[in-house]
Amino acid sequence: MTLAFVVLIAILVPAGPLGLDRSWSEAMRHLETPLLTHLALVFNWLGRGLGRAFALALVGLLLLRRRRWLALVAFAVGESLAPLLSALLKLLVDRARPPDGLVHPVGSSFPSGHATYAGATCVALVLLFTTPSTRRKWWWALAGLGVVGMAWSRTYLQVHWLTDVIAGALLGSGVSLLVFAIAQVRESSPRGCRGQFPSASIIRGTDPKGRRDQS
């Protein structure tokens, strides 16, 4: 089903940028300042290489330390599946990047890998480390701000069109929501309650003895 949806997107998305993409790109050029450029480069670092590896390793170690095995598996699957689907779409659509980028990534433009990563990771962080309550909406707002910031940075640096980052953010968020929903169903099933995974809850954040994770 997921692969079919990815192929459908690849068929419908044009190889060239839309008029909206070109207008947004031009607007970003007019906004260029040293401060904004430094901010965009910070997002660039966070979404690739060492910055990305450090963030993923930190989350993985936290889950490992708390023995939240199913949560760790779900996080690993989401963070692997999202970039895999993004790479597949890049091959299928093969859209050219905007000219004269401020950094020089390789590969085609649609969808944005950075935005895909941000969407998948920010959604996962909210589901993993917050509990359903009135305060969770503020964490969702913060997660949304992180995704928007990453998406903006890719268009500001002229390495992606606007529709690239929108698609990437939706792809990453959708993958995380789907993976964690499946994991939650797996956890709630009778088989999952017989102790095959020591962690008692993937989203609610309880440890194997049923205590609430207060982080």
Protein backbone atom coordinates (compact mmCIF):
# COMPACT_ATOMS: atom_id res chain seq x y z
CA MET A 1 0.00 0.00 0.00
CA THR A 2 2.75 2.46 0.98
CA LEU A 3 4.81 1.65 -2.10
CA ALA A 4 1.74 2.04 -4.31
CA PHE A 5 1.09 5.48 -2.81
CA VAL A 6 4.72 6.47 -3.44
CA VAL A 7 4.51 5.36 -7.06
CA LEU A 8 1.23 7.30 -7.49
CA ILE A 9 2.91 10.46 -6.20
CA ALA A 10 5.83 9.93 -8.56
CA ILE A 11 3.43 9.66 -11.50
CA LEU A 12 1.42 12.78 -10.59
CA VAL A 13 4.27 15.11 -9.63
CA PRO A 14 5.74 17.05 -12.57
CA ALA A 15 9.48 16.79 -13.17
CA GLY A 16 9.81 20.56 -13.34
CA PRO A 17 9.00 23.18 -10.68
CA LEU A 18 5.56 24.79 -10.49
CA GLY A 19 4.92 28.50 -10.79
CA LEU A 20 4.49 28.64 -7.01
CA ASP A 21 7.91 27.04 -6.60
CA ARG A 22 9.60 29.67 -8.73
CA SER A 23 7.85 32.54 -6.97
CA TRP A 24 8.83 31.21 -3.53
CA SER A 25 12.41 30.66 -4.63
CA GLU A 26 12.66 34.25 -5.85
CA ALA A 27 11.18 35.52 -2.58
CA MET A 28 13.83 33.57 -0.63
CA ARG A 29 16.59 35.19 -2.67
CA HIS A 30 15.30 38.61 -1.69
CA LEU A 31 15.37 37.62 1.99
CA GLU A 32 19.05 36.64 2.10
CA THR A 33 20.96 38.06 5.06
CA PRO A 34 24.06 36.77 6.89
CA LEU A 35 21.99 35.94 9.99
CA LEU A 36 19.37 33.94 8.10
CA THR A 37 22.07 32.18 6.11
CA HIS A 38 23.80 31.05 9.33
CA LEU A 39 20.47 29.85 10.73
CA ALA A 40 19.70 27.90 7.56
CA LEU A 41 23.17 26.32 7.67
CA VAL A 42 22.51 25.17 11.25
CA PHE A 43 19.40 23.36 10.03
CA ASN A 44 21.46 21.97 7.16
CA TRP A 45 23.98 20.51 9.65
CA LEU A 46 21.25 19.07 11.87
CA GLY A 47 19.69 17.20 8.96
CA ARG A 48 22.79 15.47 7.60
CA GLY A 49 25.96 13.66 8.54
CA LEU A 50 27.23 14.04 12.08
CA GLY A 51 24.34 16.21 13.30
CA ARG A 52 21.75 13.73 12.14
CA ALA A 53 23.68 10.70 13.40
CA PHE A 54 24.16 12.29 16.83
CA ALA A 55 20.45 13.07 17.22
CA LEU A 56 19.33 9.58 16.16
CA ALA A 57 21.93 7.90 18.36
CA LEU A 58 20.88 10.00 21.37
CA VAL A 59 17.21 9.05 21.01
CA GLY A 60 18.14 5.41 20.48
CA LEU A 61 20.33 5.36 23.60
CA LEU A 62 17.57 6.92 25.70
CA LEU A 63 15.10 4.26 24.60
CA LEU A 64 17.68 1.53 25.12
CA ARG A 65 18.50 2.75 28.61
CA ARG A 66 14.80 2.66 29.55
CA ARG A 67 14.36 -0.78 28.00
CA ARG A 68 11.61 0.44 25.69
CA TRP A 69 12.31 -2.21 23.11
CA LEU A 70 9.21 -1.89 20.96
CA ALA A 71 9.59 1.88 20.93
CA LEU A 72 13.20 1.49 19.83
CA VAL A 73 12.20 -0.87 17.02
CA ALA A 74 9.43 1.48 15.86
CA PHE A 75 11.78 4.45 15.93
CA ALA A 76 14.43 2.56 13.95
CA VAL A 77 11.88 1.37 11.37
CA GLY A 78 10.45 4.87 10.91
CA GLU A 79 13.86 6.48 10.57
CA SER A 80 14.90 3.84 8.02
CA LEU A 81 11.69 3.68 6.00
CA ALA A 82 11.23 7.45 5.59
CA PRO A 83 14.59 8.10 3.86
CA LEU A 84 14.21 4.92 1.83
CA LEU A 85 10.88 6.10 0.40
CA SER A 86 12.31 9.58 -0.11
CA ALA A 87 15.21 8.14 -2.10
CA LEU A 88 12.82 6.03 -4.17
CA LEU A 89 10.73 9.08 -5.03
CA LYS A 90 13.86 11.02 -5.98
CA LEU A 91 14.74 8.32 -8.48
CA LEU A 92 11.22 8.13 -9.90
CA VAL A 93 10.53 11.87 -10.21
CA ASP A 94 14.10 13.01 -11.01
CA ARG A 95 13.33 16.71 -10.56
CA ALA A 96 16.24 19.14 -10.98
CA ARG A 97 17.22 21.29 -8.03
CA PRO A 98 17.01 25.09 -8.11
CA PRO A 99 20.04 26.73 -9.72
CA ASP A 100 22.79 28.49 -7.75
CA GLY A 101 22.22 26.85 -4.37
CA LEU A 102 24.12 28.16 -1.35
CA VAL A 103 25.15 24.56 -0.58
CA HIS A 104 25.63 21.75 -3.05
CA PRO A 105 23.91 18.46 -2.15
CA VAL A 106 23.81 15.60 -4.62
CA GLY A 107 20.78 13.87 -6.05
CA SER A 108 17.47 15.09 -7.39
CA SER A 109 15.16 17.55 -5.71
CA PHE A 110 11.77 15.90 -5.03
CA PRO A 111 11.12 15.26 -2.19
CA SER A 112 13.43 16.95 0.30
CA GLY A 113 15.36 14.40 2.33
CA HIS A 114 15.99 16.94 5.10
CA ALA A 115 12.27 17.72 5.36
CA THR A 116 11.44 14.02 5.32
CA TYR A 117 13.86 13.44 8.19
CA ALA A 118 12.49 16.40 10.15
CA GLY A 119 8.89 15.26 9.73
CA ALA A 120 9.65 11.68 10.74
CA THR A 121 11.83 12.61 13.71
CA CYS A 122 9.77 15.44 15.17
CA VAL A 123 6.59 13.35 15.10
CA ALA A 124 8.44 10.41 16.66
CA LEU A 125 9.83 12.56 19.47
CA VAL A 126 6.37 13.79 20.47
CA LEU A 127 4.93 10.27 20.42
CA LEU A 128 7.86 8.79 22.32
CA PHE A 129 8.47 11.34 25.05
CA THR A 130 5.13 12.98 25.81
CA THR A 131 1.84 11.61 27.12
CA PRO A 132 -1.67 12.47 25.91
CA SER A 133 -2.70 15.59 27.82
CA THR A 134 -3.57 19.22 27.26
CA ARG A 135 0.14 20.05 27.37
CA ARG A 136 0.95 17.75 24.49
CA LYS A 137 -0.46 20.30 22.02
CA TRP A 138 2.46 22.60 22.87
CA TRP A 139 4.93 19.83 22.05
CA TRP A 140 3.11 19.29 18.76
CA ALA A 141 3.42 23.01 18.09
CA LEU A 142 7.16 22.87 18.84
CA ALA A 143 7.55 19.83 16.59
CA GLY A 144 5.69 21.65 13.82
CA LEU A 145 7.99 24.62 14.23
CA GLY A 146 11.00 22.34 13.84
CA VAL A 147 9.62 20.84 10.65
CA VAL A 148 8.73 24.24 9.22
CA GLY A 149 12.18 25.56 10.12
CA MET A 150 13.90 22.71 8.32
CA ALA A 151 11.61 23.08 5.31
CA TRP A 152 12.22 26.84 5.16
CA SER A 153 16.00 26.36 5.38
CA ARG A 154 16.04 24.09 2.32
CA THR A 155 14.22 26.64 0.19
CA TYR A 156 16.27 29.52 1.62
CA LEU A 157 19.50 27.72 0.70
CA GLN A 158 18.07 27.24 -2.81
CA VAL A 159 18.52 23.46 -2.78
CA HIS A 160 14.81 22.58 -2.92
CA TRP A 161 11.59 23.92 -4.37
CA LEU A 162 8.67 24.66 -2.06
CA THR A 163 6.70 21.59 -3.17
CA ASP A 164 9.78 19.42 -2.47
CA VAL A 165 9.84 20.36 1.21
CA ILE A 166 6.06 20.15 1.62
CA ALA A 167 6.08 16.65 0.18
CA GLY A 168 9.07 15.64 2.28
CA ALA A 169 7.52 16.88 5.52
CA LEU A 170 4.25 15.09 4.79
CA LEU A 171 6.06 11.90 3.80
CA GLY A 172 8.20 11.79 6.94
CA SER A 173 5.31 12.66 9.26
CA GLY A 174 3.05 10.11 7.61
CA VAL A 175 5.63 7.34 7.88
CA SER A 176 6.17 8.00 11.59
CA LEU A 177 2.45 8.12 12.34
CA LEU A 178 1.86 4.89 10.43
CA VAL A 179 4.76 3.00 12.01
CA PHE A 180 3.87 4.06 15.55
CA ALA A 181 0.19 3.28 14.99
CA ILE A 182 1.12 -0.25 13.88
CA ALA A 183 3.45 -0.62 16.87
CA GLN A 184 0.71 0.54 19.23
CA VAL A 185 -1.70 -2.03 17.78
CA ARG A 186 1.00 -4.69 18.10
CA GLU A 187 1.60 -3.72 21.71
CA SER A 188 -2.12 -3.81 22.56
CA SER A 189 -2.67 -7.24 21.05
CA PRO A 190 -2.91 -10.28 23.39
CA ARG A 191 0.34 -11.68 22.02
CA GLY A 192 2.09 -8.38 22.67
CA CYS A 193 0.93 -8.44 26.30
CA ARG A 194 2.56 -11.79 27.01
CA GLY A 195 5.95 -10.22 27.46
CA GLN A 196 7.55 -10.73 24.08
CA PHE A 197 8.70 -7.12 24.36
CA PRO A 198 9.70 -5.98 27.90
CA SER A 199 8.48 -2.43 27.35
CA ALA A 200 4.89 -1.97 28.49
CA SER A 201 4.06 1.00 26.29
CA ILE A 202 5.47 2.55 23.19
CA ILE A 203 3.56 5.83 23.28
CA ARG A 204 2.34 6.15 26.84
CA GLY A 205 5.89 5.82 28.13
CA THR A 206 5.61 3.26 30.94
CA ASP A 207 8.40 0.93 31.92
CA PRO A 208 8.07 -2.88 32.15
CA LYS A 209 6.72 -2.65 35.71
CA GLY A 210 3.98 -0.25 34.66
CA ARG A 211 5.48 2.93 36.09
CA ARG A 212 5.00 6.12 34.12
CA ASP A 213 8.08 7.46 32.33
CA GLN A 214 8.32 11.04 33.56
CA SER A 215 10.75 12.29 30.93
